[in-house]
């Protein structure tokens, strides 16, 4: 069964070659998420602070739920580990929200800055 978390839930959407994945966590888990964000920044990901509707419907909070309700594949190893530990959940947008309604505010200045806000992350574009 889905669980709805009230603010202050933080979200991070990864726009990657594996598709777009959005993860959510509560402020108490920032200490676990910040190192993951720093590793992604070190790998070249750019994090944008965005303005979103703060409510999120959490689809999966624990790995056991995926076995009961559906299968889930998290290709990013850092995110998979935090999910398995129950530190982050896989979230979806609320019906009234989609990517077009998110307003980009500024680039995150640090992993702490990114963890304290709703963010969208991507690798910088590369020429061919």
C-alpha atoms as a PDB file:
ATOM      1  CA  UNK A   1       0.000   0.000   0.000  1.00  0.00           C
ATOM      2  CA  UNK A   2       1.272   3.482  -0.790  1.00  0.00           C
ATOM      3  CA  UNK A   3       2.276   5.773   2.008  1.00  0.00           C
ATOM      4  CA  UNK A   4       2.026   9.551   1.870  1.00  0.00           C
ATOM      5  CA  UNK A   5       4.660  11.551   3.700  1.00  0.00           C
ATOM      6  CA  UNK A   6       4.117  15.135   4.754  1.00  0.00           C
ATOM      7  CA  UNK A   7       6.763  17.839   4.482  1.00  0.00           C
ATOM      8  CA  UNK A   8       9.625  18.124   5.032  1.00  0.00           C
ATOM      9  CA  UNK A   9      10.272  15.334   2.535  1.00  0.00           C
ATOM     10  CA  UNK A  10      13.193  16.060   0.220  1.00  0.00           C
ATOM     11  CA  UNK A  11      13.372  14.732  -3.321  1.00  0.00           C
ATOM     12  CA  UNK A  12      16.069  14.053  -5.866  1.00  0.00           C
ATOM     13  CA  UNK A  13      15.301  13.238  -9.498  1.00  0.00           C
ATOM     14  CA  UNK A  14      18.117  11.629 -11.475  1.00  0.00           C
ATOM     15  CA  UNK A  15      17.874  12.154 -15.229  1.00  0.00           C
ATOM     16  CA  UNK A  16      20.134   9.365 -16.509  1.00  0.00           C
ATOM     17  CA  UNK A  17      20.626   6.888 -19.288  1.00  0.00           C
ATOM     18  CA  UNK A  18      18.603   4.479 -17.128  1.00  0.00           C
ATOM     19  CA  UNK A  19      15.590   6.785 -17.212  1.00  0.00           C
ATOM     20  CA  UNK A  20      14.275   9.330 -14.770  1.00  0.00           C
ATOM     21  CA  UNK A  21      14.142   8.139 -11.167  1.00  0.00           C
ATOM     22  CA  UNK A  22      12.924  10.165  -8.206  1.00  0.00           C
ATOM     23  CA  UNK A  23      13.869   9.346  -4.635  1.00  0.00           C
ATOM     24  CA  UNK A  24      12.538  10.894  -1.442  1.00  0.00           C
ATOM     25  CA  UNK A  25      13.730  11.006   2.156  1.00  0.00           C
ATOM     26  CA  UNK A  26      13.061  12.788   5.386  1.00  0.00           C
ATOM     27  CA  UNK A  27      15.395  15.429   6.832  1.00  0.00           C
ATOM     28  CA  UNK A  28      16.543  12.990   9.528  1.00  0.00           C
ATOM     29  CA  UNK A  29      18.215  10.912   6.782  1.00  0.00           C
ATOM     30  CA  UNK A  30      20.216  13.795   5.253  1.00  0.00           C
ATOM     31  CA  UNK A  31      23.415  12.471   6.837  1.00  0.00           C
ATOM     32  CA  UNK A  32      23.018   9.279   4.767  1.00  0.00           C
ATOM     33  CA  UNK A  33      22.070  11.016   1.523  1.00  0.00           C
ATOM     34  CA  UNK A  34      24.736  13.765   1.546  1.00  0.00           C
ATOM     35  CA  UNK A  35      27.661  11.352   0.876  1.00  0.00           C
ATOM     36  CA  UNK A  36      25.765   9.860  -2.099  1.00  0.00           C
ATOM     37  CA  UNK A  37      25.143  13.331  -3.516  1.00  0.00           C
ATOM     38  CA  UNK A  38      28.813  14.253  -3.018  1.00  0.00           C
ATOM     39  CA  UNK A  39      29.925  11.108  -4.886  1.00  0.00           C
ATOM     40  CA  UNK A  40      27.585  12.030  -7.758  1.00  0.00           C
ATOM     41  CA  UNK A  41      28.947  15.589  -7.813  1.00  0.00           C
ATOM     42  CA  UNK A  42      32.481  14.141  -7.917  1.00  0.00           C
ATOM     43  CA  UNK A  43      31.368  12.020 -10.911  1.00  0.00           C
ATOM     44  CA  UNK A  44      30.287  15.198 -12.701  1.00  0.00           C
ATOM     45  CA  UNK A  45      26.567  15.329 -11.994  1.00  0.00           C
ATOM     46  CA  UNK A  46      25.044  18.803 -11.830  1.00  0.00           C
ATOM     47  CA  UNK A  47      22.350  19.373  -9.189  1.00  0.00           C
ATOM     48  CA  UNK A  48      19.650  21.993  -9.704  1.00  0.00           C
ATOM     49  CA  UNK A  49      17.504  23.267  -6.864  1.00  0.00           C
ATOM     50  CA  UNK A  50      13.887  23.262  -8.021  1.00  0.00           C
ATOM     51  CA  UNK A  51      10.609  24.504  -6.607  1.00  0.00           C
ATOM     52  CA  UNK A  52       8.032  21.707  -6.389  1.00  0.00           C
ATOM     53  CA  UNK A  53       4.863  20.822  -4.615  1.00  0.00           C
ATOM     54  CA  UNK A  54       6.247  19.532  -1.270  1.00  0.00           C
ATOM     55  CA  UNK A  55       3.856  16.561  -0.944  1.00  0.00           C
ATOM     56  CA  UNK A  56       4.925  13.276  -2.463  1.00  0.00           C
ATOM     57  CA  UNK A  57       3.299   9.891  -2.639  1.00  0.00           C
ATOM     58  CA  UNK A  58       5.869   7.330  -1.598  1.00  0.00           C
ATOM     59  CA  UNK A  59       5.460   4.244  -3.734  1.00  0.00           C
ATOM     60  CA  UNK A  60       8.065   2.045  -2.050  1.00  0.00           C
ATOM     61  CA  UNK A  61       9.818   2.617   1.262  1.00  0.00           C
ATOM     62  CA  UNK A  62      11.375  -0.802   1.930  1.00  0.00           C
ATOM     63  CA  UNK A  63      12.756  -3.513  -0.372  1.00  0.00           C
ATOM     64  CA  UNK A  64      10.239  -6.050   0.971  1.00  0.00           C
ATOM     65  CA  UNK A  65       7.410  -4.010  -0.554  1.00  0.00           C
ATOM     66  CA  UNK A  66       8.763  -4.528  -4.050  1.00  0.00           C
ATOM     67  CA  UNK A  67       8.435  -8.288  -3.667  1.00  0.00           C
ATOM     68  CA  UNK A  68       4.802  -8.031  -2.604  1.00  0.00           C
ATOM     69  CA  UNK A  69       3.610  -5.362  -5.008  1.00  0.00           C
ATOM     70  CA  UNK A  70       5.956  -5.220  -8.007  1.00  0.00           C
ATOM     71  CA  UNK A  71       9.543  -5.618  -9.080  1.00  0.00           C
ATOM     72  CA  UNK A  72      11.988  -2.755  -8.949  1.00  0.00           C
ATOM     73  CA  UNK A  73      15.424  -2.296 -10.437  1.00  0.00           C
ATOM     74  CA  UNK A  74      17.619   0.526  -9.163  1.00  0.00           C
ATOM     75  CA  UNK A  75      20.628   0.661 -11.467  1.00  0.00           C
ATOM     76  CA  UNK A  76      22.456   3.307  -9.432  1.00  0.00           C
ATOM     77  CA  UNK A  77      24.421   1.442  -6.756  1.00  0.00           C
ATOM     78  CA  UNK A  78      24.470   4.341  -4.254  1.00  0.00           C
ATOM     79  CA  UNK A  79      20.692   4.808  -4.469  1.00  0.00           C
ATOM     80  CA  UNK A  80      20.110   1.037  -4.308  1.00  0.00           C
ATOM     81  CA  UNK A  81      22.108   0.747  -1.077  1.00  0.00           C
ATOM     82  CA  UNK A  82      20.223   3.628   0.574  1.00  0.00           C
ATOM     83  CA  UNK A  83      16.907   2.114  -0.570  1.00  0.00           C
ATOM     84  CA  UNK A  84      17.833  -1.297   0.844  1.00  0.00           C
ATOM     85  CA  UNK A  85      18.714   0.382   4.158  1.00  0.00           C
ATOM     86  CA  UNK A  86      15.315   2.116   4.206  1.00  0.00           C
ATOM     87  CA  UNK A  87      16.957   5.572   4.065  1.00  0.00           C
ATOM     88  CA  UNK A  88      15.275   6.662   0.813  1.00  0.00           C
ATOM     89  CA  UNK A  89      12.077   5.676  -0.941  1.00  0.00           C
ATOM     90  CA  UNK A  90      11.053   5.604  -4.573  1.00  0.00           C
ATOM     91  CA  UNK A  91       8.509   8.377  -5.084  1.00  0.00           C
ATOM     92  CA  UNK A  92       6.223   9.603  -7.805  1.00  0.00           C
ATOM     93  CA  UNK A  93       4.834  12.980  -8.668  1.00  0.00           C
ATOM     94  CA  UNK A  94       1.471  14.002  -7.359  1.00  0.00           C
ATOM     95  CA  UNK A  95      -1.253  14.041 -10.051  1.00  0.00           C
ATOM     96  CA  UNK A  96      -1.185  17.828 -10.311  1.00  0.00           C
ATOM     97  CA  UNK A  97       2.587  17.897 -10.763  1.00  0.00           C
ATOM     98  CA  UNK A  98       4.808  16.934 -13.638  1.00  0.00           C
ATOM     99  CA  UNK A  99       8.251  17.931 -14.829  1.00  0.00           C
ATOM    100  CA  UNK A 100       6.844  21.001 -16.567  1.00  0.00           C
ATOM    101  CA  UNK A 101       5.589  22.408 -13.255  1.00  0.00           C
ATOM    102  CA  UNK A 102       8.999  22.301 -11.558  1.00  0.00           C
ATOM    103  CA  UNK A 103      10.706  25.658 -11.628  1.00  0.00           C
ATOM    104  CA  UNK A 104      14.509  25.628 -11.718  1.00  0.00           C
ATOM    105  CA  UNK A 105      15.767  28.088  -9.135  1.00  0.00           C
ATOM    106  CA  UNK A 106      19.568  27.742  -9.043  1.00  0.00           C
ATOM    107  CA  UNK A 107      22.482  25.343  -9.143  1.00  0.00           C
ATOM    108  CA  UNK A 108      23.293  23.599  -5.853  1.00  0.00           C
ATOM    109  CA  UNK A 109      26.559  24.832  -4.338  1.00  0.00           C
ATOM    110  CA  UNK A 110      27.324  21.707  -2.281  1.00  0.00           C
ATOM    111  CA  UNK A 111      26.021  18.266  -1.367  1.00  0.00           C
ATOM    112  CA  UNK A 112      24.562  19.728   1.845  1.00  0.00           C
ATOM    113  CA  UNK A 113      22.768  22.404  -0.197  1.00  0.00           C
ATOM    114  CA  UNK A 114      21.399  19.768  -2.583  1.00  0.00           C
ATOM    115  CA  UNK A 115      20.246  17.445   0.217  1.00  0.00           C
ATOM    116  CA  UNK A 116      18.326  20.233   1.953  1.00  0.00           C
ATOM    117  CA  UNK A 117      16.216  20.996  -1.134  1.00  0.00           C
ATOM    118  CA  UNK A 118      14.235  19.368  -3.919  1.00  0.00           C
ATOM    119  CA  UNK A 119      16.723  18.769  -6.731  1.00  0.00           C
ATOM    120  CA  UNK A 120      17.095  17.465 -10.264  1.00  0.00           C
ATOM    121  CA  UNK A 121      20.473  15.982 -11.185  1.00  0.00           C
ATOM    122  CA  UNK A 122      22.045  15.137 -14.530  1.00  0.00           C
ATOM    123  CA  UNK A 123      25.439  14.648 -16.064  1.00  0.00           C
ATOM    124  CA  UNK A 124      26.720  17.609 -18.060  1.00  0.00           C
ATOM    125  CA  UNK A 125      26.085  17.343 -21.805  1.00  0.00           C
ATOM    126  CA  UNK A 126      28.995  15.914 -23.794  1.00  0.00           C
ATOM    127  CA  UNK A 127      29.868  16.515 -27.388  1.00  0.00           C
ATOM    128  CA  UNK A 128      30.528  13.694 -29.806  1.00  0.00           C
END
